[in-house]
Amino acid sequence: MNSQLNCTEEIKAKNTLFSINFKEVILVSLLILILAFISFLSIETYNITDDSEENFRISYNLKEKGIYSIDGNKSTDIREPIPNIINAIYLKCFIKIPENENVGTILKNSNYIKRILFINIIYVVIILFSVWLLSFKLIKSFLYSCCIVVLTWFCFLQHDMYLNHLLTELPASLFLLLFVLSSLYLFEKRNLLYAIITGFLFGILCLTKSSYFYVSIISIPIYIMVYFFQKGAIHKNGLKISIYLVLSFLFTLSPWILRNYLVLNRMGLSSRGDVVLLTRAVKNTMTNEEYKGSFYAYAPVSFQKTIFDKLGYNENDLLPGGKYCRLIRHQPGDEENVIYGDPNLVTSYWEKAKAISIGIDKKNKKIIDQYGKSKLEASKRLIFKNLDRHIYMVLPFSWRGIWSFSGRTHFIIMLFDLLCFLCFFTVPLMAIKNKNNTLFIFSLFSIGIFVFHALFSHFLWRYSAPLIPITIISFMVIFKPFLDYLYIRINKYKHFSWTKF
């Protein structure tokens, strides 16, 4: 019976694959353009600093000198290539910079900064259209799909962190959506061209966020199992699809890995992952009291004031000298003392990890004897010293990672954030229970991303930002039957009222 239902669902899905009509495309395009125009008006001329500055410097040097470098001289792999290659192309095509200008003066010029940030509007438009396509494909409702588009724009794309900075969350979200769409088409069509496209997008995604590569190692075999087997039987095209998918993925990654080997004498996608893992390993050492307090420290402000204050927590606990102050970065004196490479001279766990990293880079004998010769070795020593503790820390860091929606000071928005992530975790379970391969493919890689960050990072909330569209779609997948029922009941009531009066 279940197999017959699944077969019927697949036939319906195939029949509606290209069933979007022209009128709907025009209407959703107008909606997206209106939202993009509002985003355009929301671009502000902040100073580009920290991660954004590094991305811009690499993009600028790639455009001007043809070298992937922060300082214009020394090659690097600290940032993933795809976002900065796109930035460099954008600078080349749309930003006219006089020859006498340098990076320093550009970063101080608000006119240049605003024009540079307009690349985010391009991402906004393409992401919203991709969200609509994916939503329509899964939910088969124009109205609900448009609602998801608006919610994605409001909860994610209009967030100051992503709109007014040059970060990798927008391209990561875009390529994740395109990958999920392509993987769904591949499952339905069993077409070798879709296998090549899916593998290519898989590779591009990993070259946008290097942490996704580790997720792919686990998820690719699972995808192959789904593609290879259909309704308990081996699919005749399964082997070819699997080979094309894997080869396309590897061919996409190989030029960057080869470049790193030839130029930097190391194989890998990015050298930044060791720092993130070390930060997580150091934060594992928090006390039991701090463990409890981390749920307060990592909660959005609206939850801190609405819920945690009633449980006896106090905002003074997060201030310098407070009992949870080590969970908060940039404590007094940390910035000045971290350069000495001694974790005992700083307060916050984030700065302690940074101090260990600096100590290792400076080949400080005391630090190397205690932690190891590399950041990766230091991370392994700290994690395996208390592996149970590392697993135990998954919960507070998962809690920290879910609060990526815009509007952290608004309780209702954060409640919606929590609800969307709960639906996000529910969808794959529902897919397995109902043997729904479409929903399983839709959610598999995204769930893997979340689990990876919960296990191997300190899970800054922006790490989960690329997942926001997927979580909102998951919410609609779960609640659509209830909303349909509500709609029917309201219509019946309205009909009753009209006939009565």
Protein backbone atom coordinates (compact mmCIF):
# COMPACT_ATOMS: atom_id res chain seq x y z
CA MET A 1 0.00 0.00 0.00
CA ASN A 2 2.80 2.40 0.98
CA SER A 3 4.72 1.60 -2.22
CA GLN A 4 1.60 2.38 -4.29
CA LEU A 5 1.22 5.73 -2.52
CA ASN A 6 4.89 6.53 -3.02
CA CYS A 7 4.61 5.62 -6.71
CA THR A 8 1.57 7.90 -7.06
CA GLU A 9 3.45 10.74 -5.33
CA GLU A 10 6.41 10.33 -7.68
CA ILE A 11 4.17 10.35 -10.77
CA LYS A 12 2.49 13.52 -9.53
CA ALA A 13 5.87 15.08 -8.84
CA LYS A 14 7.06 14.28 -12.36
CA ASN A 15 3.89 15.69 -13.91
CA THR A 16 4.23 18.94 -11.96
CA LEU A 17 7.97 19.32 -12.48
CA PHE A 18 7.53 21.98 -15.16
CA SER A 19 3.90 22.85 -14.48
CA ILE A 20 4.53 26.42 -13.28
CA ASN A 21 2.53 28.73 -15.52
CA PHE A 22 3.67 32.06 -16.98
CA LYS A 23 1.29 34.15 -14.88
CA GLU A 24 2.67 32.73 -11.65
CA VAL A 25 6.25 33.40 -12.79
CA ILE A 26 5.37 37.05 -13.54
CA LEU A 27 3.66 37.53 -10.17
CA VAL A 28 6.45 35.97 -8.13
CA SER A 29 9.04 37.92 -10.13
CA LEU A 30 7.27 41.18 -9.25
CA LEU A 31 7.17 40.14 -5.60
CA ILE A 32 10.88 39.31 -5.60
CA LEU A 33 11.79 42.59 -7.32
CA ILE A 34 9.81 44.57 -4.73
CA LEU A 35 11.56 42.76 -1.87
CA ALA A 36 14.96 43.21 -3.56
CA PHE A 37 14.29 46.93 -4.00
CA ILE A 38 13.56 47.26 -0.27
CA SER A 39 16.83 45.44 0.41
CA PHE A 40 18.58 47.81 -2.00
CA LEU A 41 17.33 50.76 0.06
CA SER A 42 18.52 49.00 3.23
CA ILE A 43 22.18 48.82 2.17
CA GLU A 44 24.21 50.91 4.61
CA THR A 45 27.79 52.12 4.31
CA TYR A 46 29.36 50.35 7.28
CA ASN A 47 33.09 49.88 7.46
CA ILE A 48 34.03 46.48 6.04
CA THR A 49 35.97 44.76 8.82
CA ASP A 50 37.04 41.32 10.08
CA ASP A 51 35.86 38.45 7.83
CA SER A 52 34.28 40.87 5.34
CA GLU A 53 37.54 42.79 5.02
CA GLU A 54 39.54 39.61 4.41
CA ASN A 55 37.07 38.55 1.71
CA PHE A 56 37.26 41.94 0.05
CA ARG A 57 41.06 42.10 0.13
CA ILE A 58 41.31 38.64 -1.45
CA SER A 59 38.74 39.57 -4.12
CA TYR A 60 40.49 42.87 -4.85
CA ASN A 61 43.93 41.27 -5.14
CA LEU A 62 42.50 38.51 -7.33
CA LYS A 63 41.03 41.14 -9.66
CA GLU A 64 44.04 43.49 -9.70
CA LYS A 65 47.01 41.10 -9.42
CA GLY A 66 45.57 37.70 -10.24
CA ILE A 67 46.75 36.33 -6.88
CA TYR A 68 44.54 34.75 -4.21
CA SER A 69 46.02 36.70 -1.30
CA ILE A 70 45.03 38.92 1.62
CA ASP A 71 48.07 41.21 1.48
CA GLY A 72 48.60 41.03 -2.27
CA ASN A 73 51.90 39.14 -1.96
CA LYS A 74 51.54 35.89 -0.03
CA SER A 75 49.09 33.30 -1.37
CA THR A 76 46.53 31.93 1.06
CA ASP A 77 43.79 29.33 1.42
CA ILE A 78 42.29 30.73 4.62
CA ARG A 79 39.08 31.69 2.79
CA GLU A 80 37.12 29.47 0.43
CA PRO A 81 37.49 30.44 -3.26
CA ILE A 82 34.02 30.56 -4.83
CA PRO A 83 32.56 33.62 -3.00
CA ASN A 84 35.72 35.63 -3.60
CA ILE A 85 35.99 34.60 -7.25
CA ILE A 86 32.40 35.83 -7.68
CA ASN A 87 33.30 39.04 -5.82
CA ALA A 88 36.33 39.56 -8.06
CA ILE A 89 34.20 39.12 -11.22
CA TYR A 90 31.66 41.58 -9.80
CA LEU A 91 34.40 44.13 -9.05
CA LYS A 92 35.82 43.69 -12.55
CA CYS A 93 32.47 44.13 -14.27
CA PHE A 94 30.65 46.71 -12.17
CA ILE A 95 33.06 48.68 -9.95
CA LYS A 96 35.38 51.14 -11.63
CA ILE A 97 38.28 51.83 -9.26
CA PRO A 98 40.97 54.41 -10.25
CA GLU A 99 44.49 53.00 -10.59
CA ASN A 100 45.85 55.26 -7.83
CA GLU A 101 43.42 53.81 -5.25
CA ASN A 102 44.57 51.06 -2.89
CA VAL A 103 42.68 48.65 -0.66
CA GLY A 104 43.03 50.87 2.41
CA THR A 105 41.49 53.95 0.79
CA ILE A 106 38.71 51.91 -0.82
CA LEU A 107 37.71 50.47 2.57
CA LYS A 108 37.39 54.01 3.95
CA ASN A 109 35.30 55.29 1.05
CA SER A 110 31.58 54.90 1.78
CA ASN A 111 30.64 55.23 -1.92
CA TYR A 112 32.82 52.29 -2.87
CA ILE A 113 31.59 50.22 0.07
CA LYS A 114 27.96 50.75 -0.85
CA ARG A 115 28.56 49.79 -4.48
CA ILE A 116 30.55 46.73 -3.40
CA LEU A 117 27.72 45.57 -1.13
CA PHE A 118 25.22 45.77 -3.99
CA ILE A 119 26.42 42.29 -4.95
CA ASN A 120 24.27 41.08 -2.06
CA ILE A 121 21.17 42.31 -3.91
CA ILE A 122 22.03 39.96 -6.76
CA TYR A 123 22.19 37.13 -4.22
CA VAL A 124 18.85 38.24 -2.74
CA VAL A 125 17.09 38.00 -6.12
CA ILE A 126 18.51 34.59 -7.08
CA ILE A 127 18.03 33.11 -3.60
CA LEU A 128 14.39 34.20 -3.44
CA PHE A 129 13.64 32.76 -6.88
CA SER A 130 15.39 29.50 -5.91
CA VAL A 131 13.40 29.39 -2.67
CA TRP A 132 10.17 29.78 -4.62
CA LEU A 133 11.08 27.02 -7.09
CA LEU A 134 12.02 24.60 -4.31
CA SER A 135 8.95 25.50 -2.25
CA PHE A 136 6.59 25.12 -5.19
CA LYS A 137 8.16 21.81 -6.10
CA LEU A 138 7.66 20.36 -2.61
CA ILE A 139 4.38 21.99 -1.57
CA LYS A 140 2.63 22.49 -4.94
CA SER A 141 1.02 25.74 -3.80
CA PHE A 142 1.67 29.15 -5.32
CA LEU A 143 0.35 31.00 -2.26
CA TYR A 144 2.36 29.03 0.31
CA SER A 145 5.48 29.31 -1.84
CA CYS A 146 5.11 33.08 -1.97
CA CYS A 147 4.68 33.14 1.81
CA ILE A 148 7.94 31.20 2.17
CA VAL A 149 9.66 33.72 -0.13
CA VAL A 150 8.54 36.65 2.05
CA LEU A 151 9.45 34.86 5.28
CA THR A 152 12.91 33.97 3.92
CA TRP A 153 13.49 37.57 2.91
CA PHE A 154 12.36 38.93 6.27
CA CYS A 155 14.04 36.35 8.52
CA PHE A 156 17.28 35.96 6.58
CA LEU A 157 18.06 38.21 3.63
CA GLN A 158 17.06 41.44 5.36
CA HIS A 159 19.34 40.66 8.31
CA ASP A 160 21.96 43.37 8.70
CA MET A 161 24.69 40.78 9.33
CA TYR A 162 24.27 39.29 5.85
CA LEU A 163 22.97 42.24 3.81
CA ASN A 164 25.56 44.81 4.92
CA HIS A 165 28.64 42.61 5.08
CA LEU A 166 30.69 40.66 2.56
CA LEU A 167 30.31 37.23 4.13
CA THR A 168 29.85 33.74 2.66
CA GLU A 169 26.41 32.96 4.11
CA LEU A 170 24.48 34.29 1.09
CA PRO A 171 26.40 32.34 -1.58
CA ALA A 172 26.36 29.25 0.66
CA SER A 173 22.58 29.47 0.98
CA LEU A 174 22.19 29.99 -2.77
CA PHE A 175 24.31 27.00 -3.75
CA LEU A 176 22.66 24.83 -1.08
CA LEU A 177 19.23 25.61 -2.56
CA LEU A 178 20.44 24.92 -6.10
CA PHE A 179 22.06 21.68 -4.98
CA VAL A 180 18.89 20.49 -3.25
CA LEU A 181 16.81 21.36 -6.34
CA SER A 182 19.22 19.55 -8.63
CA SER A 183 19.38 16.47 -6.38
CA LEU A 184 15.57 16.26 -6.37
CA TYR A 185 15.44 16.49 -10.17
CA LEU A 186 18.15 13.83 -10.36
CA PHE A 187 16.10 11.47 -8.20
CA GLU A 188 13.00 11.99 -10.35
CA LYS A 189 14.58 11.98 -13.81
CA ARG A 190 17.50 9.55 -13.25
CA ASN A 191 19.26 11.59 -15.90
CA LEU A 192 23.06 11.58 -16.36
CA LEU A 193 23.10 15.32 -17.10
CA TYR A 194 21.43 15.99 -13.74
CA ALA A 195 24.05 13.75 -12.12
CA ILE A 196 26.82 15.93 -13.56
CA ILE A 197 25.04 19.16 -12.53
CA THR A 198 24.36 17.83 -9.02
CA GLY A 199 27.97 16.74 -8.55
CA PHE A 200 29.18 20.11 -9.84
CA LEU A 201 26.91 22.03 -7.44
CA PHE A 202 28.02 19.72 -4.63
CA GLY A 203 31.61 20.70 -5.35
CA ILE A 204 30.80 24.41 -5.63
CA LEU A 205 29.02 24.19 -2.28
CA CYS A 206 32.12 22.70 -0.64
CA LEU A 207 34.29 25.41 -2.24
CA THR A 208 31.97 27.97 -0.67
CA LYS A 209 32.00 26.46 2.84
CA SER A 210 34.87 24.03 3.32
CA SER A 211 33.20 22.45 6.36
CA TYR A 212 30.54 21.07 3.99
CA PHE A 213 33.17 18.80 2.43
CA TYR A 214 33.25 16.68 5.59
CA VAL A 215 29.46 16.40 5.47
CA SER A 216 29.69 15.27 1.85
CA ILE A 217 31.94 12.34 2.79
CA ILE A 218 29.03 10.87 4.77
CA SER A 219 26.13 12.08 2.64
CA ILE A 220 27.36 11.10 -0.84
CA PRO A 221 27.21 7.33 -0.10
CA ILE A 222 23.70 7.82 1.29
CA TYR A 223 22.61 9.74 -1.82
CA ILE A 224 24.05 6.96 -3.98
CA MET A 225 22.08 4.35 -2.03
CA VAL A 226 18.88 6.33 -2.66
CA TYR A 227 19.67 6.85 -6.34
CA PHE A 228 20.91 3.28 -6.83
CA PHE A 229 17.99 1.52 -5.22
CA GLN A 230 14.38 2.25 -6.05
CA LYS A 231 11.48 0.48 -4.32
CA GLY A 232 13.80 -2.25 -3.05
CA ALA A 233 15.26 -3.05 -6.48
CA ILE A 234 18.54 -2.00 -8.12
CA HIS A 235 17.85 0.82 -10.57
CA LYS A 236 19.25 0.05 -14.04
CA ASN A 237 20.84 3.49 -14.36
CA GLY A 238 22.05 3.64 -10.75
CA LEU A 239 25.69 2.76 -11.34
CA LYS A 240 26.17 5.33 -14.10
CA ILE A 241 24.42 8.02 -12.06
CA SER A 242 26.64 7.30 -9.07
CA ILE A 243 29.86 7.41 -11.13
CA TYR A 244 28.92 10.64 -12.91
CA LEU A 245 27.89 12.26 -9.63
CA VAL A 246 31.14 11.39 -7.84
CA LEU A 247 33.41 12.25 -10.79
CA SER A 248 31.70 15.59 -11.33
CA PHE A 249 32.09 16.37 -7.62
CA LEU A 250 35.80 15.44 -7.60
CA PHE A 251 36.58 17.28 -10.84
CA THR A 252 35.02 20.44 -9.39
CA LEU A 253 37.14 20.25 -6.24
CA SER A 254 40.41 19.09 -7.79
CA PRO A 255 41.68 22.40 -9.33
CA TRP A 256 41.56 24.18 -5.95
CA ILE A 257 43.11 21.24 -4.06
CA LEU A 258 45.85 20.97 -6.70
CA ARG A 259 46.50 24.72 -6.46
CA ASN A 260 46.87 24.50 -2.68
CA TYR A 261 49.28 21.59 -3.04
CA LEU A 262 51.44 23.28 -5.67
CA VAL A 263 51.40 26.79 -4.14
CA LEU A 264 51.11 26.14 -0.39
CA ASN A 265 52.41 22.56 -0.18
CA ARG A 266 49.31 21.26 1.57
CA MET A 267 46.21 19.47 0.39
CA GLY A 268 42.84 20.69 1.55
CA LEU A 269 40.16 23.29 0.91
CA SER A 270 40.89 25.77 3.71
CA SER A 271 43.34 26.09 6.60
CA ARG A 272 40.81 27.95 8.76
CA GLY A 273 39.02 24.81 9.97
CA ASP A 274 41.77 23.98 12.47
CA VAL A 275 41.17 27.29 14.27
CA VAL A 276 37.42 26.66 14.52
CA LEU A 277 37.98 23.14 15.88
CA LEU A 278 40.52 24.45 18.41
CA THR A 279 38.02 27.07 19.61
CA ARG A 280 35.45 24.32 20.15
CA ALA A 281 38.00 22.14 21.98
CA VAL A 282 38.90 24.99 24.34
CA LYS A 283 35.24 25.80 25.01
CA ASN A 284 34.68 22.15 25.94
CA THR A 285 36.67 22.91 29.10
CA MET A 286 33.99 25.22 30.56
CA THR A 287 32.87 24.37 34.08
CA ASN A 288 29.54 22.70 34.92
CA GLU A 289 28.25 26.04 36.18
CA GLU A 290 29.23 27.67 32.90
CA TYR A 291 27.64 24.77 31.01
CA LYS A 292 24.26 25.62 32.57
CA GLY A 293 24.87 29.31 32.01
CA SER A 294 25.72 28.77 28.34
CA PHE A 295 22.02 28.23 27.55
CA TYR A 296 21.42 31.71 28.97
CA ALA A 297 24.49 33.29 27.34
CA TYR A 298 23.77 31.78 23.93
CA ALA A 299 20.02 32.51 23.93
CA PRO A 300 18.70 35.52 21.99
CA VAL A 301 18.13 38.69 24.03
CA SER A 302 14.35 38.30 23.85
CA PHE A 303 14.54 34.84 25.45
CA GLN A 304 17.04 36.03 28.05
CA LYS A 305 14.66 38.75 29.23
CA THR A 306 11.38 36.86 28.80
CA ILE A 307 12.32 33.38 30.07
CA PHE A 308 15.75 33.20 31.68
CA ASP A 309 15.34 36.26 33.91
CA LYS A 310 12.40 34.48 35.53
CA LEU A 311 14.63 31.45 36.16
CA GLY A 312 17.05 33.49 38.25
CA TYR A 313 19.62 34.43 35.61
CA ASN A 314 20.92 37.99 35.54
CA GLU A 315 22.47 40.05 32.76
CA ASN A 316 25.28 41.03 35.17
CA ASP A 317 26.47 37.42 34.97
CA LEU A 318 27.55 38.12 31.38
CA LEU A 319 29.41 41.35 32.16
CA PRO A 320 33.16 41.49 32.96
CA GLY A 321 33.72 39.73 36.28
CA GLY A 322 30.37 37.90 36.06
CA LYS A 323 30.20 34.14 36.54
CA TYR A 324 29.59 33.54 32.83
CA CYS A 325 31.94 36.21 31.47
CA ARG A 326 34.37 33.65 30.04
CA LEU A 327 31.64 32.63 27.56
CA ILE A 328 31.63 36.16 26.11
CA ARG A 329 34.46 37.25 23.84
CA HIS A 330 36.40 40.55 24.09
CA GLN A 331 36.73 40.74 27.85
CA PRO A 332 38.80 43.69 29.22
CA GLY A 333 42.50 43.22 28.51
CA ASP A 334 42.02 40.22 26.22
CA GLU A 335 42.75 42.07 22.99
CA GLU A 336 46.00 43.50 24.40
CA ASN A 337 47.22 40.26 26.00
CA VAL A 338 46.25 37.68 23.38
CA ILE A 339 49.21 38.66 21.18
CA TYR A 340 51.60 37.08 23.70
CA GLY A 341 50.24 33.64 22.86
CA ASP A 342 49.56 32.61 26.46
CA PRO A 343 45.99 31.47 27.29
CA ASN A 344 46.57 32.22 30.98
CA LEU A 345 46.77 35.95 30.21
CA VAL A 346 43.27 36.22 28.75
CA THR A 347 39.77 35.63 30.14
CA SER A 348 37.32 34.51 27.45
CA TYR A 349 37.47 31.01 26.00
CA TRP A 350 37.44 32.48 22.50
CA GLU A 351 40.58 34.52 23.24
CA LYS A 352 42.18 31.53 25.00
CA ALA A 353 41.86 29.52 21.80
CA LYS A 354 43.25 32.44 19.83
CA ALA A 355 46.19 32.72 22.28
CA ILE A 356 47.00 29.01 21.89
CA SER A 357 46.88 29.42 18.11
CA ILE A 358 49.28 32.39 18.27
CA GLY A 359 51.57 30.50 20.66
CA ILE A 360 51.76 27.57 18.23
CA ASP A 361 52.44 29.90 15.29
CA LYS A 362 55.23 31.56 17.29
CA LYS A 363 56.61 28.10 18.18
CA ASN A 364 56.33 28.88 21.89
CA LYS A 365 57.97 25.85 23.58
CA LYS A 366 55.69 25.99 26.63
CA ILE A 367 52.55 26.03 24.44
CA ILE A 368 53.84 23.35 22.07
CA ASP A 369 54.78 21.05 24.97
CA GLN A 370 51.33 21.43 26.49
CA TYR A 371 49.15 21.47 23.37
CA GLY A 372 51.15 20.19 20.38
CA LYS A 373 52.98 21.45 17.31
CA SER A 374 49.86 22.31 15.30
CA LYS A 375 46.36 23.62 15.92
CA LEU A 376 44.89 20.32 14.77
CA GLU A 377 47.09 18.38 17.19
CA ALA A 378 46.11 20.76 20.00
CA SER A 379 42.42 20.24 19.18
CA LYS A 380 42.81 16.46 19.19
CA ARG A 381 44.64 16.47 22.52
CA LEU A 382 41.94 18.57 24.18
CA ILE A 383 39.03 16.60 22.68
CA PHE A 384 40.36 13.08 23.28
CA LYS A 385 41.46 14.02 26.77
CA ASN A 386 37.75 14.12 27.64
CA LEU A 387 35.74 12.75 24.73
CA ASP A 388 32.59 12.31 26.81
CA ARG A 389 32.70 16.01 27.58
CA HIS A 390 32.99 16.84 23.90
CA ILE A 391 29.79 14.87 23.13
CA TYR A 392 28.12 16.42 26.18
CA MET A 393 28.80 19.89 24.74
CA VAL A 394 26.76 19.18 21.59
CA LEU A 395 23.55 20.32 23.31
CA PRO A 396 24.54 23.89 24.28
CA PHE A 397 26.25 24.48 20.95
CA SER A 398 23.20 23.19 19.07
CA TRP A 399 21.15 25.58 21.18
CA ARG A 400 23.50 28.40 20.20
CA GLY A 401 23.35 27.50 16.51
CA ILE A 402 19.59 27.68 15.98
CA TRP A 403 19.22 31.41 16.67
CA SER A 404 20.17 32.69 13.22
CA PHE A 405 16.92 34.41 12.23
CA SER A 406 16.74 38.19 12.01
CA GLY A 407 15.09 39.95 14.96
CA ARG A 408 16.87 38.47 17.97
CA THR A 409 15.29 41.10 20.23
CA HIS A 410 11.73 40.09 19.27
CA PHE A 411 10.28 37.15 21.18
CA ILE A 412 7.67 36.16 18.54
CA ILE A 413 10.26 36.03 15.76
CA MET A 414 12.60 33.94 17.89
CA LEU A 415 9.71 31.63 18.76
CA PHE A 416 9.13 31.19 15.02
CA ASP A 417 12.88 30.56 14.65
CA LEU A 418 12.69 27.77 17.24
CA LEU A 419 9.57 26.28 15.63
CA CYS A 420 11.17 26.26 12.16
CA PHE A 421 14.25 24.43 13.45
CA LEU A 422 12.07 21.89 15.26
CA CYS A 423 10.27 21.26 11.96
CA PHE A 424 13.68 21.08 10.25
CA PHE A 425 14.66 18.21 12.57
CA THR A 426 11.24 16.55 12.19
CA VAL A 427 11.10 16.38 8.38
CA PRO A 428 13.84 13.72 7.90
CA LEU A 429 12.28 11.58 10.64
CA MET A 430 8.90 11.91 8.94
CA ALA A 431 10.53 11.09 5.58
CA ILE A 432 12.08 7.89 6.96
CA LYS A 433 8.85 6.85 8.69
CA ASN A 434 6.72 7.42 5.57
CA LYS A 435 9.44 6.20 3.15
CA ASN A 436 9.26 9.55 1.38
CA ASN A 437 12.49 9.76 -0.62
CA THR A 438 11.74 13.28 -1.85
CA LEU A 439 11.67 14.76 1.65
CA PHE A 440 14.64 12.63 2.66
CA ILE A 441 16.78 14.00 -0.19
CA PHE A 442 15.51 17.52 0.55
CA SER A 443 16.65 17.41 4.18
CA LEU A 444 19.66 15.06 4.24
CA PHE A 445 22.58 17.39 3.50
CA SER A 446 21.16 20.30 5.51
CA ILE A 447 20.76 18.13 8.59
CA GLY A 448 24.33 16.94 8.07
CA ILE A 449 25.55 20.56 8.06
CA PHE A 450 23.84 21.25 11.38
CA VAL A 451 25.11 18.07 13.03
CA PHE A 452 28.65 18.74 11.81
CA HIS A 453 28.72 22.22 13.33
CA ALA A 454 27.20 20.94 16.57
CA LEU A 455 29.98 18.34 16.82
CA PHE A 456 33.03 20.16 15.52
CA SER A 457 32.58 23.91 15.90
CA HIS A 458 31.68 26.50 18.51
CA PHE A 459 28.57 27.07 16.33
CA LEU A 460 28.28 30.83 15.93
CA TRP A 461 24.65 31.41 15.06
CA ARG A 462 25.52 32.68 11.58
CA TYR A 463 26.90 29.22 10.74
CA SER A 464 23.32 27.99 10.43
CA ALA A 465 22.14 31.01 8.40
CA PRO A 466 22.41 29.21 5.03
CA LEU A 467 19.89 26.71 6.40
CA ILE A 468 17.20 29.33 7.11
CA PRO A 469 15.29 28.86 3.80
CA ILE A 470 15.34 25.08 4.32
CA THR A 471 13.97 25.44 7.87
CA ILE A 472 11.13 27.71 6.71
CA ILE A 473 10.22 25.30 3.92
CA SER A 474 10.30 22.49 6.52
CA PHE A 475 7.89 24.50 8.67
CA MET A 476 5.48 24.80 5.76
CA VAL A 477 5.80 21.09 4.91
CA ILE A 478 4.81 20.18 8.47
CA PHE A 479 2.07 22.77 8.95
CA LYS A 480 0.52 22.78 5.46
CA PRO A 481 -2.17 20.18 6.35
CA PHE A 482 -3.16 22.25 9.39
CA LEU A 483 -3.21 25.49 7.36
CA ASP A 484 -5.28 23.79 4.65
CA TYR A 485 -7.74 22.58 7.27
CA LEU A 486 -7.92 26.06 8.80
CA TYR A 487 -8.51 27.59 5.37
CA ILE A 488 -11.36 25.16 4.65
CA ARG A 489 -12.98 25.84 8.02
CA ILE A 490 -12.78 29.61 7.50
CA ASN A 491 -14.30 29.29 4.02
CA LYS A 492 -17.14 27.16 5.41
CA TYR A 493 -17.79 29.75 8.07
CA LYS A 494 -17.75 32.55 5.51
CA HIS A 495 -20.11 30.58 3.27
CA PHE A 496 -22.45 29.97 6.20
CA SER A 497 -22.46 33.68 7.02
CA TRP A 498 -23.25 34.71 3.44
CA THR A 499 -26.15 32.24 3.11
CA LYS A 500 -27.56 33.28 6.45
CA PHE A 501 -27.49 37.00 5.82
